[in-house]
């Protein structure tokens, strides 16, 4: 799971209640967003960057769920 997280490239400096990440080439941002929405987890497209997402700050529990779901999706899409 940590390998999946280290493949995320942070875009800019997180100075608000969100962070933006560029996804690795094998991960499609739109498919990831759709997959997470099916699980009632909402992230947004990071406009201006190809294949990037914007993740808002959440409770520690919700953040853990978000990280697990992103990693599972990225691992399965390899």
N, C-alpha and C. Protein backbone atom coordinates (compact mmCIF):
# COMPACT_ATOMS: atom_id res chain seq x y z
N UNK A 1 0.82 -1.19 0.00
CA UNK A 1 0.00 0.00 0.00
C UNK A 1 0.87 1.26 0.00
N UNK A 2 1.95 1.27 0.75
CA UNK A 2 2.80 2.46 0.80
C UNK A 2 3.43 2.75 -0.56
N UNK A 3 3.70 1.71 -1.35
CA UNK A 3 4.26 1.93 -2.69
C UNK A 3 3.29 2.73 -3.54
N UNK A 4 1.99 2.47 -3.39
CA UNK A 4 0.99 3.22 -4.14
C UNK A 4 1.02 4.68 -3.74
N UNK A 5 1.12 4.96 -2.46
CA UNK A 5 1.13 6.35 -2.00
C UNK A 5 2.37 7.09 -2.45
N UNK A 6 3.51 6.43 -2.46
CA UNK A 6 4.73 7.12 -2.86
C UNK A 6 4.74 7.44 -4.34
N UNK A 7 3.85 6.79 -5.12
CA UNK A 7 3.78 7.10 -6.54
C UNK A 7 2.94 8.34 -6.82
N UNK A 8 2.29 8.90 -5.79
CA UNK A 8 1.52 10.12 -5.97
C UNK A 8 2.44 11.33 -5.88
N UNK A 9 2.36 12.18 -6.86
CA UNK A 9 3.19 13.39 -6.87
C UNK A 9 2.34 14.57 -6.43
N UNK A 10 2.72 15.20 -5.33
CA UNK A 10 1.99 16.37 -4.83
C UNK A 10 2.22 17.54 -5.78
N UNK A 11 1.14 18.23 -6.10
CA UNK A 11 1.20 19.39 -6.99
C UNK A 11 1.08 20.64 -6.11
N UNK A 12 2.08 21.48 -6.15
CA UNK A 12 2.04 22.70 -5.34
C UNK A 12 2.22 22.41 -3.87
N UNK A 13 1.96 23.40 -3.07
CA UNK A 13 2.09 23.28 -1.62
C UNK A 13 0.70 23.29 -1.01
N UNK A 14 0.35 22.24 -0.23
CA UNK A 14 -0.98 22.25 0.38
C UNK A 14 -1.09 23.36 1.43
N UNK A 15 -1.80 24.43 1.10
CA UNK A 15 -1.93 25.56 2.03
C UNK A 15 -3.38 25.80 2.42
N UNK A 16 -4.26 24.96 1.98
CA UNK A 16 -5.68 25.10 2.31
C UNK A 16 -6.14 23.79 2.94
N UNK A 17 -7.41 23.52 2.83
CA UNK A 17 -7.93 22.28 3.40
C UNK A 17 -7.96 21.15 2.36
N UNK A 18 -7.08 21.23 1.39
CA UNK A 18 -7.00 20.19 0.37
C UNK A 18 -5.56 20.07 -0.13
N UNK A 19 -5.31 18.96 -0.78
CA UNK A 19 -4.02 18.74 -1.44
C UNK A 19 -4.30 18.18 -2.83
N UNK A 20 -3.46 18.50 -3.77
CA UNK A 20 -3.63 18.03 -5.15
C UNK A 20 -2.49 17.08 -5.49
N UNK A 21 -2.86 16.00 -6.18
CA UNK A 21 -1.89 14.97 -6.51
C UNK A 21 -2.00 14.57 -7.97
N UNK A 22 -0.85 14.43 -8.60
CA UNK A 22 -0.78 13.89 -9.95
C UNK A 22 -0.71 12.37 -9.81
N UNK A 23 -1.56 11.66 -10.52
CA UNK A 23 -1.59 10.21 -10.44
C UNK A 23 -0.59 9.59 -11.41
N UNK A 24 -0.13 8.38 -11.11
CA UNK A 24 0.78 7.71 -12.04
C UNK A 24 0.07 7.40 -13.36
N UNK A 25 0.82 7.23 -14.44
CA UNK A 25 0.22 7.03 -15.77
C UNK A 25 -0.78 5.86 -15.85
N UNK A 26 -0.57 4.82 -15.07
CA UNK A 26 -1.46 3.66 -15.17
C UNK A 26 -2.80 3.87 -14.45
N UNK A 27 -2.98 5.01 -13.79
CA UNK A 27 -4.21 5.29 -13.04
C UNK A 27 -4.97 6.41 -13.73
N UNK A 28 -6.21 6.16 -14.11
CA UNK A 28 -7.05 7.14 -14.78
C UNK A 28 -7.84 7.92 -13.72
N UNK A 29 -7.66 9.23 -13.66
CA UNK A 29 -8.29 10.05 -12.63
C UNK A 29 -9.81 9.94 -12.66
N UNK A 30 -10.41 9.98 -13.86
CA UNK A 30 -11.87 9.93 -13.95
C UNK A 30 -12.41 8.58 -13.46
N UNK A 31 -11.74 7.52 -13.79
CA UNK A 31 -12.17 6.20 -13.30
C UNK A 31 -12.01 6.08 -11.79
N UNK A 32 -10.92 6.61 -11.26
CA UNK A 32 -10.72 6.59 -9.81
C UNK A 32 -11.83 7.38 -9.12
N UNK A 33 -12.15 8.55 -9.63
CA UNK A 33 -13.21 9.38 -9.05
C UNK A 33 -14.53 8.62 -9.07
N UNK A 34 -14.88 8.00 -10.21
CA UNK A 34 -16.12 7.22 -10.30
C UNK A 34 -16.13 6.05 -9.33
N UNK A 35 -15.00 5.35 -9.23
CA UNK A 35 -14.89 4.21 -8.32
C UNK A 35 -15.13 4.64 -6.87
N UNK A 36 -14.53 5.75 -6.47
CA UNK A 36 -14.68 6.22 -5.10
C UNK A 36 -16.09 6.74 -4.83
N UNK A 37 -16.71 7.37 -5.82
CA UNK A 37 -18.08 7.86 -5.63
C UNK A 37 -19.06 6.71 -5.39
N UNK A 38 -18.79 5.57 -6.00
CA UNK A 38 -19.63 4.39 -5.75
C UNK A 38 -19.56 3.97 -4.28
N UNK A 39 -18.50 4.36 -3.61
CA UNK A 39 -18.31 4.03 -2.19
C UNK A 39 -18.60 5.24 -1.29
N UNK A 40 -19.27 6.25 -1.85
CA UNK A 40 -19.60 7.48 -1.13
C UNK A 40 -18.37 8.23 -0.63
N UNK A 41 -17.30 8.18 -1.41
CA UNK A 41 -16.09 8.94 -1.13
C UNK A 41 -15.93 9.93 -2.28
N UNK A 42 -15.83 11.20 -1.93
CA UNK A 42 -15.81 12.22 -2.97
C UNK A 42 -14.46 12.95 -3.02
N UNK A 43 -13.85 12.90 -4.20
CA UNK A 43 -12.67 13.68 -4.50
C UNK A 43 -12.96 14.39 -5.81
N UNK A 44 -12.16 15.38 -6.14
CA UNK A 44 -12.40 16.17 -7.35
C UNK A 44 -11.23 16.06 -8.30
N UNK A 45 -11.50 16.40 -9.53
CA UNK A 45 -10.48 16.53 -10.56
C UNK A 45 -9.69 17.79 -10.25
N UNK A 46 -8.41 17.77 -10.46
CA UNK A 46 -7.56 18.95 -10.27
C UNK A 46 -7.44 19.63 -11.62
N UNK A 47 -8.22 20.65 -11.83
CA UNK A 47 -8.26 21.33 -13.12
C UNK A 47 -6.93 22.00 -13.43
N UNK A 48 -6.55 21.90 -14.68
CA UNK A 48 -5.29 22.50 -15.11
C UNK A 48 -4.14 21.51 -15.14
N UNK A 49 -4.36 20.33 -14.59
CA UNK A 49 -3.33 19.30 -14.59
C UNK A 49 -3.92 18.01 -15.16
N UNK A 50 -3.24 17.39 -16.11
CA UNK A 50 -3.75 16.12 -16.63
C UNK A 50 -3.60 15.02 -15.58
N UNK A 51 -4.60 14.21 -15.47
CA UNK A 51 -4.57 13.02 -14.61
C UNK A 51 -4.20 13.34 -13.16
N UNK A 52 -4.90 14.33 -12.60
CA UNK A 52 -4.64 14.73 -11.22
C UNK A 52 -5.95 14.87 -10.45
N UNK A 53 -5.87 14.69 -9.14
CA UNK A 53 -7.06 14.81 -8.28
C UNK A 53 -6.77 15.74 -7.12
N UNK A 54 -7.85 16.25 -6.55
CA UNK A 54 -7.78 17.15 -5.41
C UNK A 54 -8.51 16.45 -4.26
N UNK A 55 -7.84 16.33 -3.13
CA UNK A 55 -8.38 15.61 -1.98
C UNK A 55 -8.51 16.58 -0.82
N UNK A 56 -9.73 16.69 -0.29
CA UNK A 56 -9.99 17.61 0.82
C UNK A 56 -9.60 16.97 2.15
N UNK A 57 -9.28 17.84 3.11
CA UNK A 57 -8.98 17.36 4.45
C UNK A 57 -10.23 16.72 5.06
N UNK A 58 -10.01 15.64 5.78
CA UNK A 58 -11.12 14.90 6.37
C UNK A 58 -10.74 14.44 7.76
N UNK A 59 -11.68 13.80 8.43
CA UNK A 59 -11.38 13.25 9.75
C UNK A 59 -10.32 12.16 9.59
N UNK A 60 -9.57 11.85 10.64
CA UNK A 60 -8.56 10.79 10.54
C UNK A 60 -9.16 9.46 10.05
N UNK A 61 -10.33 9.11 10.52
CA UNK A 61 -10.97 7.85 10.10
C UNK A 61 -11.31 7.88 8.61
N UNK A 62 -11.91 8.98 8.16
CA UNK A 62 -12.26 9.10 6.74
C UNK A 62 -11.01 9.16 5.86
N UNK A 63 -9.96 9.80 6.35
CA UNK A 63 -8.72 9.86 5.60
C UNK A 63 -8.12 8.47 5.43
N UNK A 64 -8.15 7.68 6.48
CA UNK A 64 -7.64 6.31 6.41
C UNK A 64 -8.42 5.49 5.38
N UNK A 65 -9.74 5.62 5.38
CA UNK A 65 -10.58 4.92 4.40
C UNK A 65 -10.24 5.40 2.99
N UNK A 66 -10.09 6.69 2.82
CA UNK A 66 -9.75 7.26 1.51
C UNK A 66 -8.42 6.72 1.01
N UNK A 67 -7.41 6.72 1.86
CA UNK A 67 -6.09 6.22 1.49
C UNK A 67 -6.17 4.74 1.11
N UNK A 68 -6.85 3.95 1.90
CA UNK A 68 -6.98 2.52 1.61
C UNK A 68 -7.66 2.29 0.26
N UNK A 69 -8.73 3.02 -0.01
CA UNK A 69 -9.46 2.84 -1.26
C UNK A 69 -8.65 3.30 -2.47
N UNK A 70 -7.94 4.41 -2.35
CA UNK A 70 -7.08 4.87 -3.45
C UNK A 70 -5.99 3.85 -3.73
N UNK A 71 -5.34 3.37 -2.69
CA UNK A 71 -4.26 2.40 -2.87
C UNK A 71 -4.78 1.09 -3.48
N UNK A 72 -5.91 0.61 -2.99
CA UNK A 72 -6.48 -0.62 -3.53
C UNK A 72 -6.82 -0.45 -5.01
N UNK A 73 -7.39 0.68 -5.36
CA UNK A 73 -7.74 0.93 -6.76
C UNK A 73 -6.48 1.00 -7.63
N UNK A 74 -5.49 1.76 -7.16
CA UNK A 74 -4.26 1.90 -7.94
C UNK A 74 -3.55 0.56 -8.10
N UNK A 75 -3.52 -0.24 -7.05
CA UNK A 75 -2.88 -1.56 -7.12
C UNK A 75 -3.61 -2.47 -8.11
N UNK A 76 -4.93 -2.37 -8.14
CA UNK A 76 -5.71 -3.25 -9.03
C UNK A 76 -5.67 -2.78 -10.48
N UNK A 77 -5.29 -1.53 -10.71
CA UNK A 77 -5.27 -1.02 -12.09
C UNK A 77 -3.91 -1.15 -12.76
N UNK A 78 -2.98 -1.79 -12.10
CA UNK A 78 -1.65 -1.97 -12.69
C UNK A 78 -1.67 -3.02 -13.75
